[in-house]
Amino acid sequence: MKNLLDITKILEGEEGKIPIGKAALALAMIADDSDDALVELLNGKDLLAVITRAGGKGEEVKNKVLRNSLAAAVNSAVITDNIQDRRVLARCVERALAGLGGPMTSISGAGMKIGIVRDDAHLAVAIYGKIGIPGLNVDHEISGLGVHYYGLLGD
């Protein structure tokens, strides 16, 4: 008999509420064919959520992560299109990318999935992906999380 885990039980924190950082990490790490189901589940728990992707190498990939995150968050109404909400999202992306400053990033190709979650004035951005190392037959996994509390203005 297969042991199936209930994703809501895994994600829930205190008082049955799903923490935004944990939700964003789950979005970034879930199998691609389950993207829509998890976004729908989180939306049903009064969280605004979206998934996007980015790839490239060096500064290019960092720029794409920021651009794609901004576009996805605004287009899906996770954040409103005002300067304060964009600034908060940019800070979250910056924190999530903090671990990607090493020398391997500048010579390696990376592909990342990005999960973005909002709860009222709070925002979280998580990334998960792989960096391909030239000359090796191995991809290194990477991840990061940026959370900002009480920063979003909304409508």
N, C-alpha and C. Protein backbone atom coordinates (compact mmCIF):
# COMPACT_ATOMS: atom_id res chain seq x y z
N MET A 1 0.85 -1.19 0.00
CA MET A 1 0.00 0.00 0.00
C MET A 1 0.88 1.24 0.00
N LYS A 2 0.55 2.15 -0.85
CA LYS A 2 1.33 3.38 -0.97
C LYS A 2 0.96 4.35 0.14
N ASN A 3 1.98 5.00 0.71
CA ASN A 3 1.75 6.00 1.75
C ASN A 3 1.71 7.37 1.09
N LEU A 4 0.52 7.93 0.96
CA LEU A 4 0.37 9.24 0.33
C LEU A 4 0.34 10.32 1.41
N LEU A 5 1.11 11.36 1.19
CA LEU A 5 1.14 12.47 2.14
C LEU A 5 0.19 13.57 1.69
N ASP A 6 -0.48 14.16 2.62
CA ASP A 6 -1.36 15.29 2.34
C ASP A 6 -0.50 16.55 2.37
N ILE A 7 -0.41 17.22 1.23
CA ILE A 7 0.47 18.39 1.10
C ILE A 7 0.07 19.49 2.09
N THR A 8 -1.21 19.63 2.37
CA THR A 8 -1.62 20.68 3.31
C THR A 8 -1.09 20.38 4.70
N LYS A 9 -1.04 19.12 5.08
CA LYS A 9 -0.49 18.76 6.40
C LYS A 9 1.00 19.07 6.48
N ILE A 10 1.69 18.91 5.37
CA ILE A 10 3.12 19.19 5.32
C ILE A 10 3.37 20.69 5.40
N LEU A 11 2.55 21.47 4.72
CA LEU A 11 2.77 22.91 4.65
C LEU A 11 2.26 23.68 5.86
N GLU A 12 1.22 23.21 6.48
CA GLU A 12 0.60 23.97 7.57
C GLU A 12 1.55 24.17 8.74
N GLY A 13 1.50 25.37 9.28
CA GLY A 13 2.26 25.71 10.48
C GLY A 13 1.31 25.79 11.65
N GLU A 14 1.60 26.70 12.54
CA GLU A 14 0.75 26.88 13.71
C GLU A 14 -0.64 27.35 13.30
N GLU A 15 -1.62 26.94 14.05
CA GLU A 15 -3.02 27.34 13.85
C GLU A 15 -3.55 26.99 12.47
N GLY A 16 -2.97 26.01 11.82
CA GLY A 16 -3.45 25.57 10.52
C GLY A 16 -3.16 26.51 9.38
N LYS A 17 -2.37 27.54 9.61
CA LYS A 17 -2.02 28.52 8.58
C LYS A 17 -0.73 28.08 7.88
N ILE A 18 -0.66 28.32 6.57
CA ILE A 18 0.53 27.96 5.80
C ILE A 18 1.46 29.16 5.76
N PRO A 19 2.68 29.03 6.30
CA PRO A 19 3.66 30.14 6.24
C PRO A 19 4.04 30.45 4.79
N ILE A 20 4.17 31.73 4.47
CA ILE A 20 4.43 32.11 3.09
C ILE A 20 5.78 31.62 2.56
N GLY A 21 6.79 31.58 3.41
CA GLY A 21 8.09 31.08 2.96
C GLY A 21 8.03 29.62 2.58
N LYS A 22 7.36 28.84 3.40
CA LYS A 22 7.21 27.42 3.13
C LYS A 22 6.39 27.20 1.86
N ALA A 23 5.34 28.00 1.68
CA ALA A 23 4.50 27.90 0.48
C ALA A 23 5.30 28.24 -0.77
N ALA A 24 6.11 29.31 -0.71
CA ALA A 24 6.92 29.70 -1.87
C ALA A 24 7.94 28.62 -2.22
N LEU A 25 8.57 28.03 -1.20
CA LEU A 25 9.52 26.94 -1.45
C LEU A 25 8.83 25.75 -2.09
N ALA A 26 7.64 25.42 -1.62
CA ALA A 26 6.90 24.30 -2.21
C ALA A 26 6.59 24.57 -3.68
N LEU A 27 6.18 25.80 -4.00
CA LEU A 27 5.91 26.16 -5.40
C LEU A 27 7.15 26.01 -6.26
N ALA A 28 8.29 26.42 -5.75
CA ALA A 28 9.53 26.36 -6.52
C ALA A 28 10.03 24.94 -6.71
N MET A 29 9.64 24.03 -5.81
CA MET A 29 10.17 22.68 -5.84
C MET A 29 9.21 21.62 -6.37
N ILE A 30 7.94 21.95 -6.50
CA ILE A 30 6.96 20.93 -6.90
C ILE A 30 7.18 20.50 -8.35
N ALA A 31 6.82 19.27 -8.66
CA ALA A 31 6.92 18.77 -10.03
C ALA A 31 6.08 19.64 -10.96
N ASP A 32 6.59 19.88 -12.15
CA ASP A 32 5.95 20.79 -13.09
C ASP A 32 4.48 20.44 -13.36
N ASP A 33 4.16 19.17 -13.41
CA ASP A 33 2.77 18.80 -13.72
C ASP A 33 1.81 19.06 -12.57
N SER A 34 2.32 19.49 -11.42
CA SER A 34 1.47 19.80 -10.27
C SER A 34 1.40 21.29 -9.96
N ASP A 35 2.01 22.12 -10.82
CA ASP A 35 2.03 23.57 -10.60
C ASP A 35 0.64 24.15 -10.34
N ASP A 36 -0.26 23.92 -11.27
CA ASP A 36 -1.59 24.53 -11.19
C ASP A 36 -2.35 24.07 -9.94
N ALA A 37 -2.23 22.80 -9.61
CA ALA A 37 -2.94 22.26 -8.44
C ALA A 37 -2.47 22.92 -7.15
N LEU A 38 -1.15 23.13 -7.01
CA LEU A 38 -0.64 23.74 -5.79
C LEU A 38 -1.01 25.23 -5.73
N VAL A 39 -0.93 25.93 -6.84
CA VAL A 39 -1.33 27.34 -6.87
C VAL A 39 -2.80 27.45 -6.46
N GLU A 40 -3.64 26.58 -7.00
CA GLU A 40 -5.07 26.58 -6.67
C GLU A 40 -5.30 26.27 -5.19
N LEU A 41 -4.56 25.31 -4.65
CA LEU A 41 -4.69 24.98 -3.23
C LEU A 41 -4.33 26.17 -2.35
N LEU A 42 -3.22 26.84 -2.68
CA LEU A 42 -2.79 28.00 -1.89
C LEU A 42 -3.79 29.15 -2.01
N ASN A 43 -4.29 29.37 -3.20
CA ASN A 43 -5.31 30.41 -3.38
C ASN A 43 -6.54 30.11 -2.53
N GLY A 44 -6.88 28.83 -2.40
CA GLY A 44 -8.00 28.42 -1.57
C GLY A 44 -7.76 28.62 -0.08
N LYS A 45 -6.50 28.80 0.29
CA LYS A 45 -6.12 29.05 1.68
C LYS A 45 -5.87 30.54 1.91
N ASP A 46 -6.44 31.39 1.06
CA ASP A 46 -6.33 32.85 1.16
C ASP A 46 -4.92 33.39 0.96
N LEU A 47 -4.13 32.68 0.17
CA LEU A 47 -2.81 33.16 -0.24
C LEU A 47 -2.87 33.43 -1.73
N LEU A 48 -2.15 34.45 -2.18
CA LEU A 48 -2.01 34.70 -3.61
C LEU A 48 -0.70 34.08 -4.05
N ALA A 49 -0.72 33.27 -5.11
CA ALA A 49 0.48 32.53 -5.50
C ALA A 49 0.63 32.47 -7.01
N VAL A 50 1.89 32.40 -7.44
CA VAL A 50 2.21 32.24 -8.85
C VAL A 50 3.57 31.56 -8.98
N ILE A 51 3.74 30.86 -10.09
CA ILE A 51 5.02 30.20 -10.41
C ILE A 51 5.51 30.75 -11.74
N THR A 52 6.83 30.99 -11.82
CA THR A 52 7.45 31.36 -13.09
C THR A 52 8.81 30.66 -13.16
N ARG A 53 9.52 30.87 -14.23
CA ARG A 53 10.81 30.21 -14.44
C ARG A 53 11.80 31.19 -15.04
N ALA A 54 13.08 30.86 -14.92
CA ALA A 54 14.14 31.67 -15.54
C ALA A 54 15.35 30.78 -15.79
N GLY A 55 16.10 31.10 -16.81
CA GLY A 55 17.32 30.35 -17.11
C GLY A 55 18.35 31.25 -17.77
N GLY A 56 19.57 30.82 -17.74
CA GLY A 56 20.67 31.58 -18.33
C GLY A 56 21.94 31.34 -17.53
N LYS A 57 22.87 32.30 -17.63
CA LYS A 57 24.08 32.18 -16.81
C LYS A 57 24.55 33.54 -16.36
N GLY A 58 25.26 33.54 -15.25
CA GLY A 58 25.83 34.77 -14.70
C GLY A 58 24.79 35.80 -14.36
N GLU A 59 25.12 37.05 -14.64
CA GLU A 59 24.20 38.15 -14.35
C GLU A 59 22.92 38.03 -15.16
N GLU A 60 23.02 37.41 -16.33
CA GLU A 60 21.84 37.22 -17.18
C GLU A 60 20.74 36.47 -16.44
N VAL A 61 21.10 35.39 -15.76
CA VAL A 61 20.07 34.61 -15.06
C VAL A 61 19.48 35.41 -13.89
N LYS A 62 20.32 36.17 -13.21
CA LYS A 62 19.80 36.99 -12.10
C LYS A 62 18.83 38.04 -12.62
N ASN A 63 19.17 38.67 -13.73
CA ASN A 63 18.27 39.66 -14.33
C ASN A 63 16.95 39.02 -14.76
N LYS A 64 17.03 37.83 -15.35
CA LYS A 64 15.82 37.14 -15.78
C LYS A 64 14.95 36.75 -14.59
N VAL A 65 15.57 36.32 -13.50
CA VAL A 65 14.79 35.97 -12.31
C VAL A 65 14.00 37.19 -11.85
N LEU A 66 14.64 38.34 -11.79
CA LEU A 66 13.95 39.55 -11.35
C LEU A 66 12.86 39.96 -12.34
N ARG A 67 13.19 40.04 -13.62
CA ARG A 67 12.21 40.45 -14.63
C ARG A 67 11.02 39.50 -14.67
N ASN A 68 11.29 38.20 -14.70
CA ASN A 68 10.21 37.22 -14.79
C ASN A 68 9.35 37.22 -13.52
N SER A 69 9.98 37.41 -12.37
CA SER A 69 9.24 37.46 -11.11
C SER A 69 8.32 38.68 -11.07
N LEU A 70 8.84 39.83 -11.46
CA LEU A 70 8.02 41.05 -11.50
C LEU A 70 6.83 40.89 -12.44
N ALA A 71 7.10 40.39 -13.64
CA ALA A 71 6.03 40.23 -14.63
C ALA A 71 4.98 39.25 -14.13
N ALA A 72 5.40 38.10 -13.61
CA ALA A 72 4.45 37.09 -13.15
C ALA A 72 3.62 37.60 -11.97
N ALA A 73 4.27 38.27 -11.02
CA ALA A 73 3.57 38.76 -9.84
C ALA A 73 2.55 39.83 -10.18
N VAL A 74 2.90 40.74 -11.07
CA VAL A 74 1.97 41.80 -11.48
C VAL A 74 0.85 41.22 -12.34
N ASN A 75 1.20 40.41 -13.34
CA ASN A 75 0.21 39.86 -14.27
C ASN A 75 -0.80 38.95 -13.58
N SER A 76 -0.40 38.28 -12.50
CA SER A 76 -1.31 37.39 -11.79
C SER A 76 -1.97 38.07 -10.59
N ALA A 77 -1.70 39.36 -10.41
CA ALA A 77 -2.26 40.17 -9.31
C ALA A 77 -1.81 39.70 -7.93
N VAL A 78 -0.63 39.07 -7.85
CA VAL A 78 -0.05 38.76 -6.54
C VAL A 78 0.42 40.06 -5.89
N ILE A 79 0.98 40.96 -6.70
CA ILE A 79 1.28 42.32 -6.22
C ILE A 79 0.60 43.31 -7.15
N THR A 80 0.41 44.52 -6.67
CA THR A 80 -0.12 45.56 -7.54
C THR A 80 1.04 46.25 -8.23
N ASP A 81 0.74 46.93 -9.31
CA ASP A 81 1.78 47.56 -10.11
C ASP A 81 2.08 48.96 -9.59
N ASN A 82 2.62 49.01 -8.36
CA ASN A 82 3.07 50.30 -7.82
C ASN A 82 4.52 50.15 -7.39
N ILE A 83 5.19 51.26 -7.21
CA ILE A 83 6.63 51.24 -6.94
C ILE A 83 6.97 50.54 -5.63
N GLN A 84 6.16 50.69 -4.60
CA GLN A 84 6.43 50.06 -3.31
C GLN A 84 6.35 48.53 -3.42
N ASP A 85 5.30 48.01 -4.04
CA ASP A 85 5.17 46.56 -4.17
C ASP A 85 6.29 45.99 -5.05
N ARG A 86 6.66 46.71 -6.09
CA ARG A 86 7.78 46.26 -6.94
C ARG A 86 9.09 46.26 -6.16
N ARG A 87 9.28 47.24 -5.31
CA ARG A 87 10.50 47.31 -4.48
C ARG A 87 10.56 46.13 -3.52
N VAL A 88 9.45 45.82 -2.89
CA VAL A 88 9.40 44.69 -1.96
C VAL A 88 9.72 43.38 -2.69
N LEU A 89 9.13 43.20 -3.87
CA LEU A 89 9.42 42.00 -4.63
C LEU A 89 10.90 41.94 -5.01
N ALA A 90 11.47 43.05 -5.43
CA ALA A 90 12.89 43.08 -5.79
C ALA A 90 13.78 42.71 -4.61
N ARG A 91 13.43 43.17 -3.41
CA ARG A 91 14.20 42.81 -2.20
C ARG A 91 14.10 41.31 -1.91
N CYS A 92 12.92 40.75 -2.09
CA CYS A 92 12.75 39.31 -1.89
C CYS A 92 13.58 38.51 -2.89
N VAL A 93 13.58 38.94 -4.15
CA VAL A 93 14.38 38.27 -5.17
C VAL A 93 15.86 38.39 -4.82
N GLU A 94 16.29 39.56 -4.40
CA GLU A 94 17.69 39.77 -4.03
C GLU A 94 18.10 38.80 -2.92
N ARG A 95 17.26 38.65 -1.91
CA ARG A 95 17.56 37.72 -0.80
C ARG A 95 17.57 36.27 -1.28
N ALA A 96 16.64 35.92 -2.15
CA ALA A 96 16.58 34.55 -2.65
C ALA A 96 17.81 34.21 -3.50
N LEU A 97 18.35 35.21 -4.19
CA LEU A 97 19.52 34.99 -5.05
C LEU A 97 20.86 35.14 -4.32
N ALA A 98 20.83 35.42 -3.04
CA ALA A 98 22.07 35.70 -2.29
C ALA A 98 23.11 34.58 -2.43
N GLY A 99 22.67 33.35 -2.50
CA GLY A 99 23.61 32.23 -2.59
C GLY A 99 24.15 31.98 -3.97
N LEU A 100 23.74 32.77 -4.95
CA LEU A 100 24.17 32.56 -6.32
C LEU A 100 25.28 33.52 -6.74
N GLY A 101 26.02 34.04 -5.79
CA GLY A 101 27.06 35.01 -6.11
C GLY A 101 28.42 34.41 -6.34
N GLY A 102 28.54 33.09 -6.28
CA GLY A 102 29.84 32.44 -6.42
C GLY A 102 30.35 32.43 -7.85
N PRO A 103 31.62 32.05 -8.02
CA PRO A 103 32.23 32.07 -9.34
C PRO A 103 31.63 31.07 -10.32
N MET A 104 31.05 29.97 -9.82
CA MET A 104 30.49 28.97 -10.73
C MET A 104 29.29 29.51 -11.49
N THR A 105 28.56 30.41 -10.87
CA THR A 105 27.36 30.96 -11.51
C THR A 105 27.72 31.72 -12.78
N SER A 106 28.86 32.38 -12.79
CA SER A 106 29.22 33.19 -13.95
C SER A 106 29.65 32.36 -15.16
N ILE A 107 30.04 31.10 -14.95
CA ILE A 107 30.47 30.28 -16.08
C ILE A 107 29.51 29.14 -16.37
N SER A 108 28.51 28.96 -15.53
CA SER A 108 27.61 27.83 -15.66
C SER A 108 26.22 28.27 -16.07
N GLY A 109 25.52 27.39 -16.76
CA GLY A 109 24.14 27.65 -17.11
C GLY A 109 23.24 27.20 -15.97
N ALA A 110 22.19 27.96 -15.72
CA ALA A 110 21.26 27.63 -14.64
C ALA A 110 19.83 27.67 -15.16
N GLY A 111 19.02 26.81 -14.60
CA GLY A 111 17.58 26.82 -14.86
C GLY A 111 16.88 26.81 -13.52
N MET A 112 15.95 27.75 -13.31
CA MET A 112 15.31 27.87 -12.01
C MET A 112 13.81 28.01 -12.13
N LYS A 113 13.14 27.49 -11.12
CA LYS A 113 11.70 27.66 -10.95
C LYS A 113 11.52 28.62 -9.79
N ILE A 114 10.56 29.54 -9.91
CA ILE A 114 10.39 30.60 -8.92
C ILE A 114 8.96 30.55 -8.39
N GLY A 115 8.82 30.45 -7.07
CA GLY A 115 7.52 30.50 -6.43
C GLY A 115 7.34 31.82 -5.70
N ILE A 116 6.21 32.48 -5.90
CA ILE A 116 5.93 33.77 -5.28
C ILE A 116 4.60 33.67 -4.54
N VAL A 117 4.60 34.07 -3.25
CA VAL A 117 3.39 33.96 -2.43
C VAL A 117 3.18 35.23 -1.64
N ARG A 118 1.91 35.66 -1.59
CA ARG A 118 1.54 36.85 -0.82
C ARG A 118 0.46 36.49 0.19
N ASP A 119 0.61 37.05 1.38
CA ASP A 119 -0.42 36.97 2.42
C ASP A 119 -0.56 38.38 2.99
N ASP A 120 -1.62 39.06 2.64
CA ASP A 120 -1.86 40.44 3.06
C ASP A 120 -0.68 41.33 2.65
N ALA A 121 0.05 41.88 3.61
CA ALA A 121 1.16 42.79 3.31
C ALA A 121 2.51 42.08 3.26
N HIS A 122 2.50 40.75 3.31
CA HIS A 122 3.73 39.96 3.37
C HIS A 122 3.97 39.25 2.04
N LEU A 123 5.25 39.13 1.65
CA LEU A 123 5.60 38.51 0.38
C LEU A 123 6.80 37.59 0.54
N ALA A 124 6.78 36.47 -0.18
CA ALA A 124 7.91 35.53 -0.19
C ALA A 124 8.21 35.13 -1.63
N VAL A 125 9.50 35.03 -1.94
CA VAL A 125 9.96 34.56 -3.24
C VAL A 125 10.98 33.45 -2.98
N ALA A 126 10.76 32.30 -3.62
CA ALA A 126 11.68 31.17 -3.48
C ALA A 126 12.14 30.73 -4.86
N ILE A 127 13.39 30.30 -4.93
CA ILE A 127 13.92 29.74 -6.17
C ILE A 127 14.47 28.35 -5.89
N TYR A 128 14.36 27.50 -6.89
CA TYR A 128 14.96 26.18 -6.83
C TYR A 128 15.34 25.82 -8.26
N GLY A 129 16.52 25.27 -8.42
CA GLY A 129 16.93 24.88 -9.76
C GLY A 129 18.27 24.18 -9.76
N LYS A 130 18.87 24.16 -10.93
CA LYS A 130 20.15 23.48 -11.09
C LYS A 130 21.11 24.34 -11.89
N ILE A 131 22.38 24.23 -11.52
CA ILE A 131 23.47 24.87 -12.25
C ILE A 131 24.29 23.76 -12.89
N GLY A 132 24.48 23.85 -14.20
CA GLY A 132 25.30 22.88 -14.91
C GLY A 132 26.75 23.31 -14.88
N ILE A 133 27.63 22.44 -14.42
CA ILE A 133 29.05 22.74 -14.34
C ILE A 133 29.74 22.23 -15.61
N PRO A 134 30.39 23.13 -16.38
CA PRO A 134 31.07 22.71 -17.60
C PRO A 134 32.12 21.64 -17.32
N GLY A 135 32.13 20.60 -18.16
CA GLY A 135 33.12 19.53 -18.02
C GLY A 135 32.71 18.44 -17.05
N LEU A 136 31.65 18.66 -16.31
CA LEU A 136 31.15 17.63 -15.39
C LEU A 136 29.79 17.15 -15.87
N ASN A 137 29.50 15.93 -15.56
CA ASN A 137 28.22 15.37 -15.95
C ASN A 137 27.22 15.48 -14.81
N VAL A 138 27.34 16.54 -14.03
CA VAL A 138 26.50 16.68 -12.84
C VAL A 138 25.94 18.10 -12.78
N ASP A 139 24.68 18.19 -12.43
CA ASP A 139 24.07 19.49 -12.17
C ASP A 139 23.99 19.69 -10.67
N HIS A 140 24.38 20.87 -10.20
CA HIS A 140 24.31 21.17 -8.78
C HIS A 140 22.99 21.85 -8.48
N GLU A 141 22.31 21.37 -7.45
CA GLU A 141 21.04 21.97 -7.05
C GLU A 141 21.29 23.26 -6.28
N ILE A 142 20.43 24.24 -6.52
CA ILE A 142 20.51 25.51 -5.83
C ILE A 142 19.12 25.89 -5.32
N SER A 143 19.09 26.65 -4.25
CA SER A 143 17.80 27.14 -3.75
C SER A 143 18.03 28.43 -2.97
N GLY A 144 16.96 29.18 -2.80
CA GLY A 144 17.04 30.40 -2.01
C GLY A 144 15.64 30.88 -1.68
N LEU A 145 15.56 31.68 -0.62
CA LEU A 145 14.29 32.21 -0.15
C LEU A 145 14.47 33.64 0.32
N GLY A 146 13.56 34.49 -0.09
CA GLY A 146 13.52 35.87 0.40
C GLY A 146 12.11 36.18 0.88
N VAL A 147 12.00 36.66 2.12
CA VAL A 147 10.70 36.99 2.70
C VAL A 147 10.75 38.42 3.21
N HIS A 148 9.67 39.15 2.96
CA HIS A 148 9.55 40.54 3.43
C HIS A 148 8.18 40.69 4.09
N TYR A 149 8.20 41.13 5.35
CA TYR A 149 6.96 41.29 6.11
C TYR A 149 6.56 42.75 6.15
N TYR A 150 5.26 42.98 6.09
CA TYR A 150 4.64 44.31 6.27
C TYR A 150 5.15 45.36 5.28
N GLY A 151 5.42 44.96 4.04
CA GLY A 151 5.94 45.93 3.09
C GLY A 151 5.02 46.28 1.94
N LEU A 152 4.09 45.37 1.62
CA LEU A 152 3.24 45.60 0.45
C LEU A 152 2.12 46.58 0.74
N LEU A 153 1.85 47.43 -0.22
CA LEU A 153 0.76 48.38 -0.08
C LEU A 153 -0.56 47.82 -0.56
N GLY A 154 -0.50 47.09 -1.67
CA GLY A 154 -1.73 46.57 -2.26
C GLY A 154 -2.47 47.65 -3.00
N ASP A 155 -3.78 47.47 -3.10
CA ASP A 155 -4.62 48.42 -3.87
C ASP A 155 -4.77 49.75 -3.19
